């Protein structure tokens, strides 16, 4: 899955009052470095599981944030 817009991710995080570390924790990860790379635009591809975790943590649908690679 490919992140559509890193700025949209950052805006949703801000609306939820979440830091990179906070989003990572809410998504069930110990490290926040991958979230940081997504927000910075250094990474775009995520696994379907990671996309689901991020979207769920932010209270949005996966399709709001990510494109399916097969599309």
PDB file of N, CA and C in Angstrom:
ATOM      1  N   UNK A   1       0.854  -1.160   0.000  1.00  0.00           N
ATOM      2  CA  UNK A   1       0.000   0.000   0.000  1.00  0.00           C
ATOM      3  C   UNK A   1       0.913   1.239   0.000  1.00  0.00           C
ATOM      4  N   UNK A   2       0.437   2.275  -0.659  1.00  0.00           N
ATOM      5  CA  UNK A   2       1.231   3.487  -0.817  1.00  0.00           C
ATOM      6  C   UNK A   2       0.509   4.657  -0.147  1.00  0.00           C
ATOM      7  N   UNK A   3       1.221   5.388   0.683  1.00  0.00           N
ATOM      8  CA  UNK A   3       0.668   6.570   1.339  1.00  0.00           C
ATOM      9  C   UNK A   3       0.346   7.617   0.286  1.00  0.00           C
ATOM     10  N   UNK A   4      -0.880   8.109   0.264  1.00  0.00           N
ATOM     11  CA  UNK A   4      -1.309   9.087  -0.732  1.00  0.00           C
ATOM     12  C   UNK A   4      -0.673  10.454  -0.501  1.00  0.00           C
ATOM     13  N   UNK A   5      -0.719  10.932   0.741  1.00  0.00           N
ATOM     14  CA  UNK A   5      -0.290  12.298   1.017  1.00  0.00           C
ATOM     15  C   UNK A   5       0.248  12.370   2.442  1.00  0.00           C
ATOM     16  N   UNK A   6       1.541  12.581   2.560  1.00  0.00           N
ATOM     17  CA  UNK A   6       2.150  12.640   3.894  1.00  0.00           C
ATOM     18  C   UNK A   6       1.618  13.811   4.708  1.00  0.00           C
ATOM     19  N   UNK A   7       1.242  14.901   4.026  1.00  0.00           N
ATOM     20  CA  UNK A   7       0.698  16.066   4.755  1.00  0.00           C
ATOM     21  C   UNK A   7      -0.663  15.754   5.344  1.00  0.00           C
ATOM     22  N   UNK A   8      -1.454  14.946   4.635  1.00  0.00           N
ATOM     23  CA  UNK A   8      -2.752  14.526   5.176  1.00  0.00           C
ATOM     24  C   UNK A   8      -2.553  13.674   6.424  1.00  0.00           C
ATOM     25  N   UNK A   9      -1.552  12.799   6.385  1.00  0.00           N
ATOM     26  CA  UNK A   9      -1.229  11.992   7.563  1.00  0.00           C
ATOM     27  C   UNK A   9      -0.855  12.897   8.731  1.00  0.00           C
ATOM     28  N   UNK A  10      -0.016  13.882   8.474  1.00  0.00           N
ATOM     29  CA  UNK A  10       0.411  14.807   9.531  1.00  0.00           C
ATOM     30  C   UNK A  10      -0.774  15.615  10.074  1.00  0.00           C
ATOM     31  N   UNK A  11      -1.688  16.038   9.182  1.00  0.00           N
ATOM     32  CA  UNK A  11      -2.871  16.791   9.631  1.00  0.00           C
ATOM     33  C   UNK A  11      -3.764  15.940  10.523  1.00  0.00           C
ATOM     34  N   UNK A  12      -3.986  14.696  10.125  1.00  0.00           N
ATOM     35  CA  UNK A  12      -4.807  13.799  10.949  1.00  0.00           C
ATOM     36  C   UNK A  12      -4.166  13.563  12.307  1.00  0.00           C
ATOM     37  N   UNK A  13      -2.860  13.415  12.311  1.00  0.00           N
ATOM     38  CA  UNK A  13      -2.152  13.235  13.585  1.00  0.00           C
ATOM     39  C   UNK A  13      -2.355  14.462  14.466  1.00  0.00           C
ATOM     40  N   UNK A  14      -2.246  15.641  13.871  1.00  0.00           N
ATOM     41  CA  UNK A  14      -2.426  16.881  14.637  1.00  0.00           C
ATOM     42  C   UNK A  14      -3.853  16.992  15.178  1.00  0.00           C
ATOM     43  N   UNK A  15      -4.832  16.636  14.352  1.00  0.00           N
ATOM     44  CA  UNK A  15      -6.225  16.685  14.797  1.00  0.00           C
ATOM     45  C   UNK A  15      -6.481  15.746  15.971  1.00  0.00           C
ATOM     46  N   UNK A  16      -5.810  14.614  15.961  1.00  0.00           N
ATOM     47  CA  UNK A  16      -5.940  13.648  17.046  1.00  0.00           C
ATOM     48  C   UNK A  16      -5.031  13.972  18.227  1.00  0.00           C
ATOM     49  N   UNK A  17      -4.170  14.978  18.074  1.00  0.00           N
ATOM     50  CA  UNK A  17      -3.235  15.325  19.134  1.00  0.00           C
ATOM     51  C   UNK A  17      -2.145  14.281  19.312  1.00  0.00           C
ATOM     52  N   UNK A  18      -1.766  13.629  18.213  1.00  0.00           N
ATOM     53  CA  UNK A  18      -0.786  12.549  18.287  1.00  0.00           C
ATOM     54  C   UNK A  18       0.561  12.954  17.712  1.00  0.00           C
ATOM     55  N   UNK A  19       1.592  12.648  18.435  1.00  0.00           N
ATOM     56  CA  UNK A  19       2.953  12.768  17.919  1.00  0.00           C
ATOM     57  C   UNK A  19       3.256  11.503  17.122  1.00  0.00           C
ATOM     58  N   UNK A  20       4.428  11.474  16.511  1.00  0.00           N
ATOM     59  CA  UNK A  20       4.847  10.256  15.818  1.00  0.00           C
ATOM     60  C   UNK A  20       4.907   9.095  16.795  1.00  0.00           C
ATOM     61  N   UNK A  21       5.441   9.346  17.960  1.00  0.00           N
ATOM     62  CA  UNK A  21       5.522   8.307  18.981  1.00  0.00           C
ATOM     63  C   UNK A  21       4.120   7.879  19.425  1.00  0.00           C
ATOM     64  N   UNK A  22       3.224   8.838  19.580  1.00  0.00           N
ATOM     65  CA  UNK A  22       1.856   8.527  19.995  1.00  0.00           C
ATOM     66  C   UNK A  22       1.110   7.688  18.977  1.00  0.00           C
ATOM     67  N   UNK A  23       1.275   8.019  17.697  1.00  0.00           N
ATOM     68  CA  UNK A  23       0.634   7.219  16.654  1.00  0.00           C
ATOM     69  C   UNK A  23       1.217   5.819  16.631  1.00  0.00           C
ATOM     70  N   UNK A  24       2.530   5.715  16.738  1.00  0.00           N
ATOM     71  CA  UNK A  24       3.165   4.395  16.751  1.00  0.00           C
ATOM     72  C   UNK A  24       2.647   3.555  17.917  1.00  0.00           C
ATOM     73  N   UNK A  25       2.553   4.151  19.080  1.00  0.00           N
ATOM     74  CA  UNK A  25       2.049   3.415  20.243  1.00  0.00           C
ATOM     75  C   UNK A  25       0.605   2.987  20.040  1.00  0.00           C
ATOM     76  N   UNK A  26      -0.219   3.890  19.513  1.00  0.00           N
ATOM     77  CA  UNK A  26      -1.631   3.575  19.287  1.00  0.00           C
ATOM     78  C   UNK A  26      -1.786   2.468  18.235  1.00  0.00           C
ATOM     79  N   UNK A  27      -0.844   2.432  17.289  1.00  0.00           N
ATOM     80  CA  UNK A  27      -0.867   1.404  16.248  1.00  0.00           C
ATOM     81  C   UNK A  27      -0.267   0.083  16.725  1.00  0.00           C
ATOM     82  N   UNK A  28       0.309   0.083  17.927  1.00  0.00           N
ATOM     83  CA  UNK A  28       0.834  -1.153  18.493  1.00  0.00           C
ATOM     84  C   UNK A  28       2.301  -1.416  18.216  1.00  0.00           C
ATOM     85  N   UNK A  29       3.046  -0.366  17.865  1.00  0.00           N
ATOM     86  CA  UNK A  29       4.474  -0.523  17.590  1.00  0.00           C
ATOM     87  C   UNK A  29       5.296   0.068  18.724  1.00  0.00           C
ATOM     88  N   UNK A  30       6.455  -0.492  18.947  1.00  0.00           N
ATOM     89  CA  UNK A  30       7.354   0.020  19.985  1.00  0.00           C
ATOM     90  C   UNK A  30       8.161   1.217  19.501  1.00  0.00           C
ATOM     91  N   UNK A  31       8.498   1.224  18.229  1.00  0.00           N
ATOM     92  CA  UNK A  31       9.336   2.282  17.667  1.00  0.00           C
ATOM     93  C   UNK A  31       8.492   3.236  16.824  1.00  0.00           C
ATOM     94  N   UNK A  32       8.849   4.495  16.855  1.00  0.00           N
ATOM     95  CA  UNK A  32       8.135   5.495  16.072  1.00  0.00           C
ATOM     96  C   UNK A  32       8.900   5.894  14.803  1.00  0.00           C
ATOM     97  N   UNK A  33      10.034   5.272  14.551  1.00  0.00           N
ATOM     98  CA  UNK A  33      10.878   5.694  13.433  1.00  0.00           C
ATOM     99  C   UNK A  33      10.190   5.527  12.078  1.00  0.00           C
ATOM    100  N   UNK A  34       9.412   4.467  11.897  1.00  0.00           N
ATOM    101  CA  UNK A  34       8.750   4.282  10.604  1.00  0.00           C
ATOM    102  C   UNK A  34       7.685   5.347  10.382  1.00  0.00           C
ATOM    103  N   UNK A  35       6.947   5.672  11.421  1.00  0.00           N
ATOM    104  CA  UNK A  35       5.953   6.744  11.309  1.00  0.00           C
ATOM    105  C   UNK A  35       6.672   8.049  10.948  1.00  0.00           C
ATOM    106  N   UNK A  36       7.810   8.289  11.560  1.00  0.00           N
ATOM    107  CA  UNK A  36       8.587   9.488  11.256  1.00  0.00           C
ATOM    108  C   UNK A  36       9.022   9.537   9.804  1.00  0.00           C
ATOM    109  N   UNK A  37       9.419   8.398   9.260  1.00  0.00           N
ATOM    110  CA  UNK A  37       9.825   8.354   7.846  1.00  0.00           C
ATOM    111  C   UNK A  37       8.635   8.580   6.925  1.00  0.00           C
ATOM    112  N   UNK A  38       7.457   8.099   7.292  1.00  0.00           N
ATOM    113  CA  UNK A  38       6.259   8.354   6.490  1.00  0.00           C
ATOM    114  C   UNK A  38       5.913   9.836   6.487  1.00  0.00           C
ATOM    115  N   UNK A  39       5.925  10.451   7.655  1.00  0.00           N
ATOM    116  CA  UNK A  39       5.579  11.870   7.771  1.00  0.00           C
ATOM    117  C   UNK A  39       6.595  12.740   7.030  1.00  0.00           C
ATOM    118  N   UNK A  40       7.862  12.357   7.074  1.00  0.00           N
ATOM    119  CA  UNK A  40       8.923  13.134   6.415  1.00  0.00           C
ATOM    120  C   UNK A  40       8.981  12.894   4.911  1.00  0.00           C
ATOM    121  N   UNK A  41       8.253  11.909   4.419  1.00  0.00           N
ATOM    122  CA  UNK A  41       8.292  11.605   3.002  1.00  0.00           C
ATOM    123  C   UNK A  41       9.452  10.722   2.593  1.00  0.00           C
ATOM    124  N   UNK A  42      10.144  10.159   3.550  1.00  0.00           N
ATOM    125  CA  UNK A  42      11.282   9.285   3.274  1.00  0.00           C
ATOM    126  C   UNK A  42      10.841   7.863   2.978  1.00  0.00           C
ATOM    127  N   UNK A  43       9.602   7.549   3.281  1.00  0.00           N
ATOM    128  CA  UNK A  43       9.019   6.234   2.990  1.00  0.00           C
ATOM    129  C   UNK A  43       7.584   6.462   2.565  1.00  0.00           C
ATOM    130  N   UNK A  44       7.093   5.607   1.680  1.00  0.00           N
ATOM    131  CA  UNK A  44       5.701   5.710   1.239  1.00  0.00           C
ATOM    132  C   UNK A  44       4.985   4.366   1.288  1.00  0.00           C
ATOM    133  N   UNK A  45       5.720   3.291   1.079  1.00  0.00           N
ATOM    134  CA  UNK A  45       5.109   1.964   1.011  1.00  0.00           C
ATOM    135  C   UNK A  45       4.981   1.358   2.403  1.00  0.00           C
ATOM    136  N   UNK A  46       3.822   0.774   2.654  1.00  0.00           N
ATOM    137  CA  UNK A  46       3.578   0.075   3.915  1.00  0.00           C
ATOM    138  C   UNK A  46       2.854  -1.227   3.601  1.00  0.00           C
ATOM    139  N   UNK A  47       2.936  -2.156   4.509  1.00  0.00           N
ATOM    140  CA  UNK A  47       2.190  -3.406   4.354  1.00  0.00           C
ATOM    141  C   UNK A  47       0.700  -3.130   4.586  1.00  0.00           C
ATOM    142  N   UNK A  48      -0.166  -4.001   4.078  1.00  0.00           N
ATOM    143  CA  UNK A  48      -1.599  -3.834   4.359  1.00  0.00           C
ATOM    144  C   UNK A  48      -1.901  -3.799   5.860  1.00  0.00           C
ATOM    145  N   UNK A  49      -1.176  -4.606   6.633  1.00  0.00           N
ATOM    146  CA  UNK A  49      -1.376  -4.601   8.080  1.00  0.00           C
ATOM    147  C   UNK A  49      -1.008  -3.239   8.680  1.00  0.00           C
ATOM    148  N   UNK A  50       0.109  -2.683   8.263  1.00  0.00           N
ATOM    149  CA  UNK A  50       0.535  -1.381   8.780  1.00  0.00           C
ATOM    150  C   UNK A  50      -0.450  -0.294   8.374  1.00  0.00           C
ATOM    151  N   UNK A  51      -0.929  -0.345   7.143  1.00  0.00           N
ATOM    152  CA  UNK A  51      -1.912   0.641   6.684  1.00  0.00           C
ATOM    153  C   UNK A  51      -3.175   0.575   7.527  1.00  0.00           C
ATOM    154  N   UNK A  52      -3.619  -0.635   7.822  1.00  0.00           N
ATOM    155  CA  UNK A  52      -4.814  -0.815   8.646  1.00  0.00           C
ATOM    156  C   UNK A  52      -4.589  -0.299  10.055  1.00  0.00           C
ATOM    157  N   UNK A  53      -3.435  -0.587  10.627  1.00  0.00           N
ATOM    158  CA  UNK A  53      -3.130  -0.115  11.978  1.00  0.00           C
ATOM    159  C   UNK A  53      -3.106   1.409  12.044  1.00  0.00           C
ATOM    160  N   UNK A  54      -2.465   2.043  11.063  1.00  0.00           N
ATOM    161  CA  UNK A  54      -2.372   3.510  11.042  1.00  0.00           C
ATOM    162  C   UNK A  54      -3.758   4.127  10.879  1.00  0.00           C
ATOM    163  N   UNK A  55      -4.511   3.639   9.901  1.00  0.00           N
ATOM    164  CA  UNK A  55      -5.847   4.189   9.659  1.00  0.00           C
ATOM    165  C   UNK A  55      -6.752   4.006  10.876  1.00  0.00           C
ATOM    166  N   UNK A  56      -6.726   2.833  11.471  1.00  0.00           N
ATOM    167  CA  UNK A  56      -7.548   2.567  12.651  1.00  0.00           C
ATOM    168  C   UNK A  56      -7.147   3.486  13.800  1.00  0.00           C
ATOM    169  N   UNK A  57      -5.859   3.662  13.998  1.00  0.00           N
ATOM    170  CA  UNK A  57      -5.373   4.529  15.079  1.00  0.00           C
ATOM    171  C   UNK A  57      -5.832   5.965  14.888  1.00  0.00           C
ATOM    172  N   UNK A  58      -6.020   6.370  13.629  1.00  0.00           N
ATOM    173  CA  UNK A  58      -6.447   7.740  13.337  1.00  0.00           C
ATOM    174  C   UNK A  58      -7.954   7.857  13.132  1.00  0.00           C
ATOM    175  N   UNK A  59      -8.649   6.729  13.170  1.00  0.00           N
ATOM    176  CA  UNK A  59     -10.105   6.744  13.043  1.00  0.00           C
ATOM    177  C   UNK A  59     -10.600   7.032  11.637  1.00  0.00           C
ATOM    178  N   UNK A  60      -9.826   6.633  10.627  1.00  0.00           N
ATOM    179  CA  UNK A  60     -10.224   6.833   9.241  1.00  0.00           C
ATOM    180  C   UNK A  60     -10.157   5.502   8.497  1.00  0.00           C
ATOM    181  N   UNK A  61     -10.671   5.491   7.297  1.00  0.00           N
ATOM    182  CA  UNK A  61     -10.608   4.304   6.448  1.00  0.00           C
ATOM    183  C   UNK A  61      -9.219   4.201   5.813  1.00  0.00           C
ATOM    184  N   UNK A  62      -8.803   2.996   5.546  1.00  0.00           N
ATOM    185  CA  UNK A  62      -7.513   2.777   4.894  1.00  0.00           C
ATOM    186  C   UNK A  62      -7.460   3.519   3.557  1.00  0.00           C
ATOM    187  N   UNK A  63      -8.562   3.508   2.805  1.00  0.00           N
ATOM    188  CA  UNK A  63      -8.566   4.153   1.483  1.00  0.00           C
ATOM    189  C   UNK A  63      -8.460   5.669   1.565  1.00  0.00           C
ATOM    190  N   UNK A  64      -8.709   6.239   2.741  1.00  0.00           N
ATOM    191  CA  UNK A  64      -8.529   7.675   2.915  1.00  0.00           C
ATOM    192  C   UNK A  64      -7.057   8.067   2.879  1.00  0.00           C
ATOM    193  N   UNK A  65      -6.192   7.166   3.312  1.00  0.00           N
ATOM    194  CA  UNK A  65      -4.761   7.470   3.413  1.00  0.00           C
ATOM    195  C   UNK A  65      -3.883   6.724   2.419  1.00  0.00           C
ATOM    196  N   UNK A  66      -4.331   5.559   1.969  1.00  0.00           N
ATOM    197  CA  UNK A  66      -3.437   4.691   1.194  1.00  0.00           C
ATOM    198  C   UNK A  66      -4.089   4.233  -0.109  1.00  0.00           C
ATOM    199  N   UNK A  67      -3.244   4.062  -1.130  1.00  0.00           N
ATOM    200  CA  UNK A  67      -3.654   3.443  -2.392  1.00  0.00           C
ATOM    201  C   UNK A  67      -3.156   2.014  -2.376  1.00  0.00           C
ATOM    202  N   UNK A  68      -3.961   1.136  -2.932  1.00  0.00           N
ATOM    203  CA  UNK A  68      -3.553  -0.264  -3.067  1.00  0.00           C
ATOM    204  C   UNK A  68      -2.538  -0.345  -4.201  1.00  0.00           C
ATOM    205  N   UNK A  69      -1.439  -1.023  -3.979  1.00  0.00           N
ATOM    206  CA  UNK A  69      -0.374  -1.150  -4.973  1.00  0.00           C
ATOM    207  C   UNK A  69      -0.905  -1.769  -6.263  1.00  0.00           C
ATOM    208  N   UNK A  70      -1.846  -2.683  -6.156  1.00  0.00           N
ATOM    209  CA  UNK A  70      -2.378  -3.370  -7.330  1.00  0.00           C
ATOM    210  C   UNK A  70      -3.257  -2.471  -8.195  1.00  0.00           C
ATOM    211  N   UNK A  71      -3.692  -1.349  -7.643  1.00  0.00           N
ATOM    212  CA  UNK A  71      -4.588  -0.450  -8.395  1.00  0.00           C
ATOM    213  C   UNK A  71      -3.872   0.267  -9.503  1.00  0.00           C
TER     214      UNK A  71
END
